[in-house]
Protein backbone atom coordinates (compact mmCIF):
# COMPACT_ATOMS: atom_id res chain seq x y z
CA MET A 1 0.04 0.05 0.03
CA GLY A 2 1.01 3.48 -0.66
CA THR A 3 1.40 6.60 1.54
CA PRO A 4 -1.72 8.86 1.59
CA ILE A 5 -0.54 12.55 0.99
CA VAL A 6 -2.64 15.24 2.33
CA ILE A 7 -2.53 18.13 -0.19
CA ALA A 8 -5.83 20.00 0.97
CA LYS A 9 -8.59 20.46 3.44
CA LYS A 10 -12.21 20.51 2.53
CA THR A 11 -13.60 23.89 2.08
CA THR A 12 -16.89 22.90 3.67
CA ASN A 13 -15.52 20.76 6.46
CA THR A 14 -11.74 21.36 7.21
CA GLN A 15 -11.66 18.35 9.22
CA GLN A 16 -11.70 16.02 6.02
CA ASP A 17 -8.69 15.89 4.12
CA ILE A 18 -8.17 15.35 0.44
CA VAL A 19 -5.12 13.21 -0.29
CA LEU A 20 -3.24 11.85 -3.13
CA HIS A 21 -2.25 8.24 -3.00
CA SER A 22 1.37 7.66 -3.64
CA GLN A 23 0.92 4.45 -5.34
CA PHE A 24 -1.06 6.23 -8.12
CA ALA A 25 0.98 9.31 -8.16
CA ASN A 26 2.65 7.89 -11.15
CA ARG A 27 -0.57 8.32 -13.09
CA HIS A 28 0.57 11.90 -13.95
CA GLY A 29 -1.44 14.98 -12.80
CA LEU A 30 -2.30 18.63 -13.82
CA ILE A 31 -2.16 21.83 -11.68
CA ALA A 32 -3.99 24.67 -13.56
CA GLY A 33 -5.18 28.39 -12.78
CA ALA A 34 -4.91 31.83 -13.58
CA THR A 35 -1.76 33.83 -12.59
CA GLY A 36 -2.03 34.52 -8.90
CA THR A 37 -4.34 32.09 -7.81
CA GLY A 38 -1.93 29.72 -5.89
CA LYS A 39 -0.36 27.45 -8.37
CA THR A 40 3.10 27.88 -7.15
CA VAL A 41 2.29 26.89 -3.54
CA THR A 42 0.43 24.00 -4.65
CA LEU A 43 3.53 22.96 -6.50
CA LYS A 44 5.47 23.39 -3.50
CA VAL A 45 3.43 21.41 -1.33
CA LEU A 46 3.32 18.62 -3.62
CA ALA A 47 7.01 18.66 -4.02
CA GLU A 48 7.78 18.79 -0.31
CA SER A 49 5.26 16.16 0.20
CA PHE A 50 6.99 13.66 -2.32
CA SER A 51 10.14 14.53 -0.86
CA ARG A 52 9.33 13.84 2.82
CA ILE A 53 8.38 10.02 1.83
CA GLY A 54 11.30 9.57 -0.34
CA VAL A 55 10.48 10.17 -3.81
CA PRO A 56 13.01 12.54 -5.75
CA VAL A 57 11.53 15.47 -7.75
CA PHE A 58 12.54 17.42 -10.54
CA LEU A 59 10.93 20.96 -11.39
CA ALA A 60 11.66 24.12 -13.01
CA ASP A 61 12.05 27.39 -11.23
CA ALA A 62 10.69 29.93 -13.82
CA LYS A 63 10.25 32.85 -11.80
CA GLY A 64 13.03 32.43 -9.13
CA ASP A 65 10.81 32.08 -6.17
CA VAL A 66 10.76 28.27 -5.78
CA SER A 67 14.32 28.24 -4.46
CA SER A 68 12.66 29.00 -1.18
CA LEU A 69 12.35 25.35 -0.93
CA ALA A 70 15.87 25.17 0.25
CA LYS A 71 14.90 27.45 3.30
CA ALA A 72 12.80 26.57 6.21
CA GLY A 73 9.52 28.60 6.49
CA GLU A 74 8.56 31.22 9.50
CA SER A 75 5.41 32.14 11.17
CA THR A 76 3.71 35.44 9.80
CA PRO A 77 0.30 37.01 10.89
CA LYS A 78 -0.94 36.09 7.19
CA PHE A 79 0.21 32.50 7.57
CA GLU A 80 -1.37 32.24 11.22
CA GLU A 81 -4.55 33.17 9.60
CA ARG A 82 -4.20 30.44 6.93
CA LEU A 83 -3.64 27.81 9.57
CA LYS A 84 -6.77 28.98 11.41
CA VAL A 85 -8.88 28.46 8.19
CA LEU A 86 -7.34 25.01 7.67
CA ASN A 87 -8.00 24.19 11.39
CA VAL A 88 -4.29 23.23 11.78
CA GLU A 89 -2.39 24.08 15.14
CA SER A 90 1.17 24.40 13.60
CA VAL A 91 3.41 23.38 10.89
CA PRO A 92 6.99 22.00 11.33
CA PHE A 93 9.19 24.36 9.51
CA THR A 94 11.77 22.90 7.47
CA ALA A 95 14.03 23.05 4.29
CA SER A 96 13.68 20.44 1.75
CA PRO A 97 17.18 18.94 0.30
CA VAL A 98 17.43 20.79 -2.84
CA VAL A 99 20.07 20.35 -5.70
CA PHE A 100 20.36 23.42 -8.09
CA TRP A 101 20.89 23.11 -11.82
CA ASP A 102 21.21 25.78 -14.57
CA LEU A 103 21.71 24.99 -18.39
CA PHE A 104 23.82 28.13 -18.31
CA GLY A 105 26.00 27.00 -15.04
CA GLN A 106 25.33 30.35 -13.36
CA GLN A 107 22.68 29.40 -10.70
CA GLY A 108 23.24 25.85 -10.57
CA HIS A 109 25.17 22.83 -11.58
CA PRO A 110 25.76 22.89 -15.39
CA ILE A 111 23.72 20.56 -17.51
CA ARG A 112 25.01 19.23 -20.65
CA THR A 113 24.22 16.59 -23.32
CA THR A 114 25.72 15.70 -26.59
CA ILE A 115 24.35 16.65 -30.13
CA SER A 116 24.09 12.95 -30.76
CA GLU A 117 22.20 12.21 -27.51
CA ILE A 118 19.47 14.95 -28.28
CA GLY A 119 19.08 13.68 -31.73
CA PRO A 120 17.72 15.46 -35.02
CA LEU A 121 13.90 15.31 -33.95
CA LEU A 122 14.35 17.42 -30.90
CA LEU A 123 17.09 19.45 -32.34
CA ALA A 124 14.84 20.45 -35.25
CA GLN A 125 12.28 21.31 -32.77
CA MET A 126 14.74 23.33 -30.73
CA LEU A 127 15.96 25.03 -34.01
CA ASN A 128 12.34 25.57 -35.17
CA LEU A 129 12.87 23.92 -38.76
CA ASN A 130 10.27 23.00 -41.04
CA ASP A 131 9.58 19.37 -42.27
CA THR A 132 12.28 19.70 -45.17
CA GLN A 133 14.98 21.23 -42.99
CA GLU A 134 14.24 18.65 -40.53
CA GLY A 135 14.78 15.76 -43.28
CA VAL A 136 18.06 17.29 -44.25
CA LEU A 137 19.32 17.38 -40.68
CA SER A 138 18.45 13.95 -40.03
CA ALA A 139 20.60 13.21 -43.25
CA VAL A 140 23.54 15.07 -41.61
CA PHE A 141 23.20 13.07 -38.48
CA ARG A 142 23.47 9.94 -40.70
CA ILE A 143 26.38 10.98 -42.69
CA ALA A 144 28.06 11.72 -39.44
CA ASP A 145 27.25 7.99 -37.97
CA ASP A 146 28.32 6.48 -41.11
CA GLN A 147 31.62 8.16 -41.24
CA GLY A 148 32.34 7.64 -37.43
CA LEU A 149 32.19 11.17 -36.81
CA LEU A 150 31.11 12.18 -33.36
CA LEU A 151 28.50 15.10 -32.66
CA ILE A 152 29.18 16.39 -29.37
CA ASP A 153 28.99 20.21 -29.26
CA PHE A 154 27.93 23.19 -31.28
CA LYS A 155 31.04 23.47 -33.36
CA ASP A 156 31.03 19.71 -34.22
CA LEU A 157 27.46 20.15 -35.81
CA LYS A 158 28.55 23.54 -37.58
CA ALA A 159 31.58 21.80 -39.10
CA MET A 160 29.49 18.94 -39.96
CA LEU A 161 26.90 21.20 -41.84
CA SER A 162 29.88 22.97 -43.78
CA TYR A 163 31.46 19.48 -44.60
CA VAL A 164 28.01 18.20 -45.95
CA SER A 165 27.31 21.41 -47.92
CA GLU A 166 30.94 21.20 -49.58
CA HIS A 167 30.28 17.69 -50.47
CA ALA A 168 26.52 17.68 -51.36
CA ALA A 169 26.92 16.47 -54.67
CA GLU A 170 28.95 13.60 -53.45
CA PHE A 171 26.29 12.48 -51.09
CA LYS A 172 23.22 13.13 -53.35
CA ALA A 173 23.14 9.52 -54.68
CA GLU A 174 22.98 7.85 -51.24
CA TYR A 175 21.53 10.27 -49.03
CA GLY A 176 18.99 12.25 -51.62
CA ASN A 177 19.03 15.90 -52.29
CA LEU A 178 20.59 18.04 -49.37
CA SER A 179 19.59 21.38 -50.62
CA PRO A 180 22.03 24.34 -49.97
CA ALA A 181 19.00 26.56 -48.88
CA SER A 182 18.09 24.17 -46.19
CA LEU A 183 21.62 23.57 -44.91
CA GLY A 184 22.23 27.24 -44.94
CA SER A 185 18.89 27.86 -42.91
CA ILE A 186 19.94 25.19 -40.13
CA GLN A 187 23.20 27.08 -40.18
CA ARG A 188 21.50 30.24 -39.40
CA ASN A 189 19.14 29.20 -36.88
CA LEU A 190 22.02 27.21 -35.30
CA LEU A 191 24.02 30.60 -35.05
CA ALA A 192 20.59 32.30 -33.46
CA LEU A 193 20.50 29.64 -30.66
CA ALA A 194 24.22 30.06 -30.05
CA ASP A 195 23.58 33.51 -29.47
CA GLN A 196 20.66 32.84 -26.99
CA GLY A 197 23.17 30.66 -24.73
CA GLY A 198 22.10 27.54 -26.17
CA ASP A 199 25.48 26.37 -27.39
CA GLN A 200 26.36 25.94 -23.60
CA PHE A 201 23.98 23.02 -23.32
CA PHE A 202 25.72 20.74 -25.66
CA GLY A 203 29.04 19.30 -24.57
CA GLU A 204 30.52 16.91 -22.05
CA PRO A 205 30.28 15.80 -19.52
CA SER A 206 26.75 15.00 -20.70
CA LEU A 207 24.33 14.84 -17.47
CA ASN A 208 23.74 11.24 -15.92
CA ILE A 209 19.87 11.41 -15.74
CA LEU A 210 20.20 8.99 -12.56
CA ASP A 211 21.59 11.68 -10.62
CA PHE A 212 18.08 13.07 -10.61
CA ILE A 213 17.01 10.08 -8.52
CA GLN A 214 18.55 10.66 -5.33
CA THR A 215 17.78 10.52 -1.53
CA ASP A 216 19.67 12.26 1.40
CA SER A 217 20.86 10.79 4.62
CA GLN A 218 17.23 10.99 6.07
CA GLY A 219 15.61 9.09 3.44
CA ARG A 220 14.08 12.13 1.86
CA GLY A 221 14.03 12.42 -2.00
CA ILE A 222 16.22 15.20 -3.41
CA ILE A 223 14.46 18.19 -5.08
CA ASN A 224 16.10 19.00 -8.48
CA LEU A 225 15.47 22.61 -9.03
CA LEU A 226 16.39 24.01 -12.40
CA ALA A 227 16.86 27.85 -12.80
CA ALA A 228 14.52 28.50 -15.55
CA ASP A 229 14.15 32.31 -15.14
CA LYS A 230 16.77 33.15 -18.09
CA LEU A 231 16.10 29.71 -19.91
CA MET A 232 12.33 31.27 -20.31
CA ASN A 233 13.45 33.69 -22.55
CA THR A 234 14.22 30.79 -25.13
CA PRO A 235 11.14 28.98 -24.66
CA LYS A 236 12.20 26.56 -27.35
CA LEU A 237 15.20 25.46 -25.56
CA TYR A 238 13.44 25.07 -22.71
CA ALA A 239 10.37 22.76 -23.51
CA THR A 240 12.95 20.50 -25.79
CA PHE A 241 15.33 20.41 -22.77
CA LEU A 242 12.61 18.88 -20.48
CA LEU A 243 11.22 16.43 -23.14
CA TRP A 244 14.60 15.26 -23.78
CA MET A 245 15.03 14.52 -20.00
CA LEU A 246 11.81 12.96 -20.06
CA SER A 247 13.01 10.64 -23.16
CA GLU A 248 16.19 10.04 -21.36
CA LEU A 249 14.34 8.86 -18.37
CA PHE A 250 11.95 6.44 -20.62
CA GLU A 251 14.97 4.88 -22.52
CA GLN A 252 17.30 4.28 -19.17
CA LEU A 253 14.79 3.33 -16.41
CA PRO A 254 13.73 -0.39 -16.31
CA GLU A 255 10.04 -1.34 -16.27
CA VAL A 256 8.94 -1.48 -12.82
CA GLY A 257 5.01 -2.10 -12.83
CA ASP A 258 2.94 -0.91 -9.80
CA MET A 259 4.89 0.66 -7.12
CA ASP A 260 3.90 2.07 -3.45
CA LYS A 261 5.40 5.41 -4.79
CA PRO A 262 6.91 6.58 -7.73
CA LYS A 263 10.75 6.68 -8.64
CA LEU A 264 10.69 10.31 -9.75
CA VAL A 265 8.00 12.98 -10.05
CA PHE A 266 8.55 15.42 -12.71
CA PHE A 267 7.13 19.04 -12.79
CA PHE A 268 6.51 20.57 -16.24
CA ASP A 269 6.08 24.17 -15.71
CA GLU A 270 4.75 26.33 -18.50
CA ALA A 271 3.67 23.11 -20.33
CA HIS A 272 1.82 25.02 -23.10
CA LEU A 273 5.56 25.66 -24.25
CA LEU A 274 5.85 21.98 -24.96
CA PHE A 275 2.89 21.67 -27.39
CA ASP A 276 3.42 24.99 -29.13
CA ASN A 277 4.08 24.61 -32.93
CA ALA A 278 5.05 21.18 -32.23
CA SER A 279 5.33 19.02 -35.28
CA PRO A 280 2.96 16.04 -35.40
CA ALA A 281 6.01 13.57 -35.26
CA LEU A 282 7.10 15.44 -32.15
CA GLN A 283 3.56 15.60 -30.48
CA GLU A 284 3.26 12.14 -31.16
CA LYS A 285 6.69 11.20 -29.46
CA ILE A 286 5.22 13.37 -26.31
CA GLU A 287 2.10 11.43 -26.26
CA GLN A 288 4.09 8.09 -26.24
CA VAL A 289 6.52 9.55 -23.47
CA VAL A 290 3.53 10.62 -21.24
CA ARG A 291 1.48 7.31 -22.00
CA LEU A 292 4.59 4.85 -21.29
CA ILE A 293 6.87 6.59 -18.76
CA ARG A 294 4.59 5.73 -15.74
CA SER A 295 5.20 2.16 -16.38
CA LYS A 296 8.90 3.09 -15.29
CA GLY A 297 7.86 4.64 -12.06
CA VAL A 298 7.81 8.35 -13.19
CA GLY A 299 4.91 10.74 -12.91
CA ILE A 300 4.62 13.76 -14.83
CA TYR A 301 2.79 16.84 -13.55
CA PHE A 302 1.95 19.50 -16.07
CA VAL A 303 1.60 23.09 -14.85
CA THR A 304 -0.05 25.40 -16.81
CA GLN A 305 -2.68 28.26 -16.58
CA ASN A 306 -5.36 26.64 -18.82
CA PRO A 307 -6.30 23.02 -19.38
CA LEU A 308 -6.89 23.92 -23.31
CA ASP A 309 -3.09 24.12 -23.28
CA LEU A 310 -2.63 20.54 -23.27
CA PRO A 311 -3.91 17.91 -26.16
CA GLU A 312 -7.20 16.09 -25.22
CA SER A 313 -4.69 12.88 -25.95
CA VAL A 314 -2.53 13.99 -23.01
CA LEU A 315 -5.28 15.57 -21.00
CA GLY A 316 -7.29 12.40 -20.91
CA GLN A 317 -4.30 10.66 -19.05
CA LEU A 318 -3.92 12.88 -16.11
CA GLY A 319 -5.50 11.04 -13.14
CA ASN A 320 -4.59 13.47 -10.33
CA ARG A 321 -5.82 17.17 -10.83
CA VAL A 322 -5.74 20.60 -8.90
CA GLN A 323 -7.70 23.20 -10.57
CA HIS A 324 -7.16 26.78 -9.32
CA ALA A 325 -9.55 29.56 -10.10
CA LEU A 326 -9.82 30.65 -13.72
CA ARG A 327 -11.57 34.05 -15.14
CA ALA A 328 -14.35 33.76 -17.43
CA PHE A 329 -14.34 37.36 -19.25
CA THR A 330 -14.51 36.32 -22.82
CA PRO A 331 -16.15 33.36 -24.79
CA LYS A 332 -12.53 31.73 -25.09
CA ASP A 333 -12.18 31.90 -21.35
CA GLN A 334 -15.78 30.62 -20.79
CA LYS A 335 -14.89 27.72 -22.91
CA ALA A 336 -11.86 26.94 -20.86
CA VAL A 337 -13.79 26.92 -17.79
CA LYS A 338 -16.32 24.48 -19.44
CA THR A 339 -13.40 22.39 -20.59
CA ALA A 340 -11.81 22.17 -16.93
CA ALA A 341 -15.12 21.20 -15.48
CA ASP A 342 -15.78 18.43 -17.75
CA THR A 343 -12.59 16.78 -16.92
CA PHE A 344 -13.81 16.33 -13.51
CA ARG A 345 -16.14 13.56 -12.10
CA ALA A 346 -19.20 15.93 -10.92
CA ASN A 347 -20.04 16.53 -7.21
CA PRO A 348 -23.71 17.05 -6.56
CA GLU A 349 -22.90 19.29 -3.65
CA PHE A 350 -21.70 22.15 -5.95
CA ASN A 351 -21.93 23.45 -9.58
CA VAL A 352 -18.27 22.85 -11.13
CA ASP A 353 -18.30 25.45 -13.67
CA GLN A 354 -19.53 28.16 -11.44
CA ALA A 355 -16.96 27.04 -8.37
CA ILE A 356 -13.93 27.50 -10.85
CA THR A 357 -14.57 31.21 -11.17
CA GLU A 358 -15.25 31.56 -7.42
CA LEU A 359 -12.45 30.09 -6.17
CA GLY A 360 -10.11 32.09 -3.62
CA VAL A 361 -6.34 32.30 -3.90
CA GLY A 362 -4.91 29.07 -2.37
CA GLU A 363 -8.20 27.43 -2.99
CA ALA A 364 -8.75 24.59 -5.68
CA LEU A 365 -11.04 21.95 -7.13
CA ILE A 366 -9.06 18.72 -6.64
CA SER A 367 -9.63 15.19 -8.02
CA CYS A 368 -7.18 12.31 -7.48
CA LEU A 369 -7.63 8.61 -7.84
CA ASP A 370 -8.97 6.74 -4.86
CA GLU A 371 -7.56 3.54 -3.32
CA GLN A 372 -8.77 1.40 -6.34
CA GLY A 373 -7.27 3.60 -8.96
CA THR A 374 -10.61 5.59 -10.12
CA PRO A 375 -11.29 9.02 -10.22
CA GLN A 376 -12.81 10.46 -7.39
CA MET A 377 -15.81 13.14 -7.21
CA VAL A 378 -14.11 16.58 -7.44
CA GLU A 379 -13.76 18.27 -4.06
CA ARG A 380 -13.42 22.07 -3.26
CA GLY A 381 -10.69 22.28 -0.95
CA TRP A 382 -7.75 24.93 0.63
CA VAL A 383 -4.25 23.73 -0.28
CA MET A 384 -2.15 22.81 2.72
CA PRO A 385 0.82 25.28 3.79
CA PRO A 386 4.25 24.55 2.83
CA TYR A 387 6.82 23.70 5.36
CA SER A 388 9.45 26.04 3.38
CA ALA A 389 9.72 29.60 3.19
CA PHE A 390 8.05 31.88 0.87
CA SER A 391 10.76 34.14 -0.11
CA PRO A 392 13.62 32.87 -2.58
CA ILE A 393 17.21 32.04 -0.84
CA ALA A 394 19.99 34.80 -1.54
CA ALA A 395 22.75 34.23 -4.08
CA GLU A 396 25.25 33.38 -0.99
CA GLU A 397 23.17 30.75 0.39
CA ARG A 398 22.51 29.23 -3.23
CA LYS A 399 26.54 29.06 -3.59
CA VAL A 400 26.81 27.41 -0.24
CA LEU A 401 24.48 24.58 -0.73
CA MET A 402 25.65 24.10 -4.24
CA SER A 403 29.40 23.43 -2.87
CA GLN A 404 27.84 20.92 -0.36
CA SER A 405 25.70 19.34 -3.46
CA MET A 406 26.33 15.66 -3.94
CA VAL A 407 27.17 16.24 -7.53
CA ALA A 408 29.60 19.17 -6.57
CA GLY A 409 32.64 19.10 -8.90
CA ILE A 410 31.45 16.53 -11.23
CA TYR A 411 29.86 18.93 -14.15
CA GLU A 412 31.51 22.15 -13.42
CA GLN A 413 34.40 21.54 -15.88
CA SER A 414 33.72 20.88 -19.34
CA LEU A 415 35.51 18.39 -21.43
CA ASP A 416 36.44 18.62 -25.21
CA ARG A 417 37.56 15.41 -26.63
CA GLU A 418 38.24 14.62 -30.16
CA SER A 419 35.02 14.53 -32.15
CA ALA A 420 33.74 15.69 -35.52
CA PHE A 421 35.06 19.15 -35.46
CA GLU A 422 38.57 17.76 -34.71
CA MET A 423 38.28 14.91 -37.04
CA LEU A 424 37.16 16.96 -40.00
CA GLN A 425 39.84 19.52 -39.36
CA GLN A 426 42.40 16.58 -39.77
CA LYS A 427 40.81 15.56 -43.10
CA VAL A 428 40.97 19.39 -44.10
CA GLU A 429 44.47 19.35 -43.20
CA GLN A 430 45.30 16.01 -45.00
CA ARG A 431 43.72 17.44 -48.14
CA GLN A 432 45.80 20.41 -47.86
CA GLN A 433 48.83 18.26 -47.22
CA GLN A 434 48.12 15.93 -50.14
CA ALA A 435 47.47 19.05 -52.17
CA VAL A 436 50.76 20.57 -51.51
CA ALA A 437 52.40 17.34 -51.84
CA ASP A 438 50.61 16.90 -55.42
CA GLU A 439 51.74 20.28 -56.37
CA GLN A 440 55.20 19.76 -55.41
CA ALA A 441 55.13 16.20 -57.30
CA LYS A 442 53.94 18.18 -60.55
CA LEU A 443 56.60 20.65 -60.17
CA GLN A 444 59.30 18.13 -59.34
CA ALA A 445 57.84 16.29 -62.50
CA LYS A 446 58.26 19.45 -64.39
CA GLU A 447 61.43 20.03 -63.54
CA GLN A 448 62.51 16.48 -64.09
CA GLU A 449 60.99 16.86 -67.69
CA ALA A 450 62.68 20.03 -68.31
CA LEU A 451 66.05 18.53 -66.92
CA ALA A 452 65.62 15.73 -69.36
CA LYS A 453 64.90 17.61 -72.08
CA GLN A 454 68.04 20.10 -71.22
CA GLN A 455 70.23 17.03 -71.14
CA ALA A 456 68.83 15.24 -74.27
CA LYS A 457 69.48 18.70 -76.00
CA GLU A 458 73.12 18.83 -74.69
CA ALA A 459 73.78 15.22 -75.59
CA GLU A 460 72.46 15.92 -79.34
CA THR A 461 74.47 19.01 -79.33
CA GLN A 462 77.59 17.26 -78.24
CA ALA A 463 77.06 14.13 -80.70
CA LYS A 464 76.81 16.75 -83.40
CA GLN A 465 79.83 18.38 -82.21
CA GLN A 466 81.66 14.84 -81.88
CA ALA A 467 80.26 14.01 -85.40
CA ARG A 468 81.56 17.31 -86.85
CA GLU A 469 85.13 16.78 -85.18
CA GLN A 470 85.23 13.20 -86.41
CA GLU A 471 84.52 14.37 -89.84
CA ARG A 472 87.04 17.18 -89.62
CA ILE A 473 89.80 14.72 -88.61
CA ALA A 474 88.94 12.16 -91.32
CA ARG A 475 89.07 15.00 -93.85
CA GLU A 476 92.48 15.93 -92.12
CA GLN A 477 93.64 12.50 -92.00
CA GLU A 478 92.63 12.16 -96.06
CA LYS A 479 94.55 15.31 -96.99
CA GLU A 480 97.46 13.91 -94.81
CA ALA A 481 97.57 10.67 -96.78
CA GLU A 482 97.40 12.70 -100.06
CA ARG A 483 100.10 14.80 -99.01
CA ALA A 484 102.03 11.93 -97.81
CA ALA A 485 101.42 10.12 -101.09
CA LYS A 486 102.41 13.14 -103.25
CA GLN A 487 105.82 13.45 -100.85
CA ARG A 488 106.66 9.50 -101.74
CA GLU A 489 106.14 10.09 -105.19
CA LYS A 490 108.28 13.15 -105.63
CA PHE A 491 110.74 11.58 -103.19
CA THR A 492 110.73 8.40 -105.51
CA GLN A 493 111.16 10.84 -108.75
CA ASP A 494 114.12 12.54 -106.72
CA ILE A 495 115.91 9.38 -106.00
CA VAL A 496 115.57 8.24 -109.56
CA GLY A 497 116.53 11.36 -110.99
CA THR A 498 119.61 11.76 -108.94
CA PHE A 499 120.46 8.14 -109.57
CA ALA A 500 120.19 8.58 -113.33
CA LYS A 501 122.30 11.67 -113.07
CA SER A 502 125.10 10.12 -110.96
CA ALA A 503 125.19 7.13 -113.23
CA ALA A 504 125.53 9.37 -116.06
CA ARG A 505 128.27 10.82 -114.75
CA SER A 506 129.84 7.65 -113.69
CA LEU A 507 129.58 5.90 -117.23
CA GLY A 508 130.36 9.14 -119.02
CA GLY A 509 130.23 9.55 -122.86
CA SER A 510 127.49 8.39 -125.25
CA THR A 511 127.52 4.90 -124.22
CA GLY A 512 126.77 5.82 -120.69
CA GLN A 513 123.98 8.06 -121.62
CA LYS A 514 122.57 5.26 -123.70
CA ILE A 515 122.55 3.04 -121.07
CA VAL A 516 120.94 5.33 -118.95
CA ARG A 517 118.34 6.56 -121.47
CA GLY A 518 117.54 2.74 -121.75
CA LEU A 519 117.47 2.14 -118.14
CA LEU A 520 115.23 5.21 -117.58
CA GLY A 521 113.13 4.21 -120.51
CA SER A 522 112.69 0.88 -119.07
CA LEU A 523 111.87 2.12 -115.51
CA PHE A 524 109.58 4.69 -117.19
CA GLY A 525 107.92 2.38 -119.75
CA LYS A 526 109.67 4.63 -122.70
CA ARG A 527 111.40 2.76 -125.49
């Protein structure tokens, strides 16, 4: 059996409690009502009550005043008057165990996740992309996966978008047309989100979602308080971040079935932001998470001004409801009142439509599931007072609590390991180095070709010179041979002439001359 949580006293009889049974707290809930009607106090009362029975809580502090949960309350005349109305003698003022978180790391421990973990569907919602641009973004994620490129932070995604844009023609056959216009639009929206501080959400170390499911030394559930006053300036980031957290819880927690109390209660303040302009695919995902996450032991409580802010498919799954006053000044307001009244199981003691417009501050129409899990008749009651203070804690008190937190020092220092940005840079450097090497190889080839031509030309010139030299030498040798032959002939003639003369002188007379003539004629073929 679960624990009954007293959340209000009946207006007509403050001796009777209106309770929420903890075993059905994971059947989700709704806190609705106009501004200033008491939604924040109801939120605090429920958060404190869950914490006291050992259930961790996550909620966003949209205005900065819910930080008062970390400080014990104190009595005031106005507070004492409310106790008298409730017929309660006193309240054990105490602070709840709170861990502060902040996407921007200023008022709490930073929360980060990686681009890959959040995925293209939620990122497209965050960037407010249309269907075509969302399809291109999904293709970019697919290309990164196929090429082993880790998408961790903003610079990784920017580098990946540039890379895909430069090589779109190469990817077209396998991944379809990756329009430069769509890629450019994604890049512009990414820069706009970075200007709003959204880039700080992406990186490492990424949040371990199980750090939200902790109890303190006294067994009280930790209240995880997200500083959302600055975050609310970027509603898409706020809504997508909370939806990502729900998705992470859904994926990581095991099925538990029915339990005496939830594992975690998740309050989604300003819930209309989750459904504003949500694509059909995203809205289907939200409805799926809401429908199935209760089997993981998680209860979701939507906090909004008007029940019409939620789709009927989601509204029909909320078993525990607290409806504060609504104002019916316009036809649309009257429709909202009618819708809110129709969601309750009617009570014959009063008119629900009329009661919604008459509720005082801190008063509400409440309907929770009974011990059999069926909706109770709606009751009109005064919400119980919180045990914590009404004024927010000071900045110095926040810093002290953060330094004493169980996650202090785990998420403060960001990490930057090698991922798509660095890997793509390496590819660019490698391409540049290859281009330089190719250019150098071309220059060397040209130089070698020029050198070979020069050497061939020089060899040809040298061969021609050698041929001319050999020809000259041959001619000179030929001339020399001719001169030698002439000299030999002349020498012979000289020798013969000298011999003849000598013989003639030796023989003397006419007989000698005849002999000589005869001899010479014989020698020279003369008769």
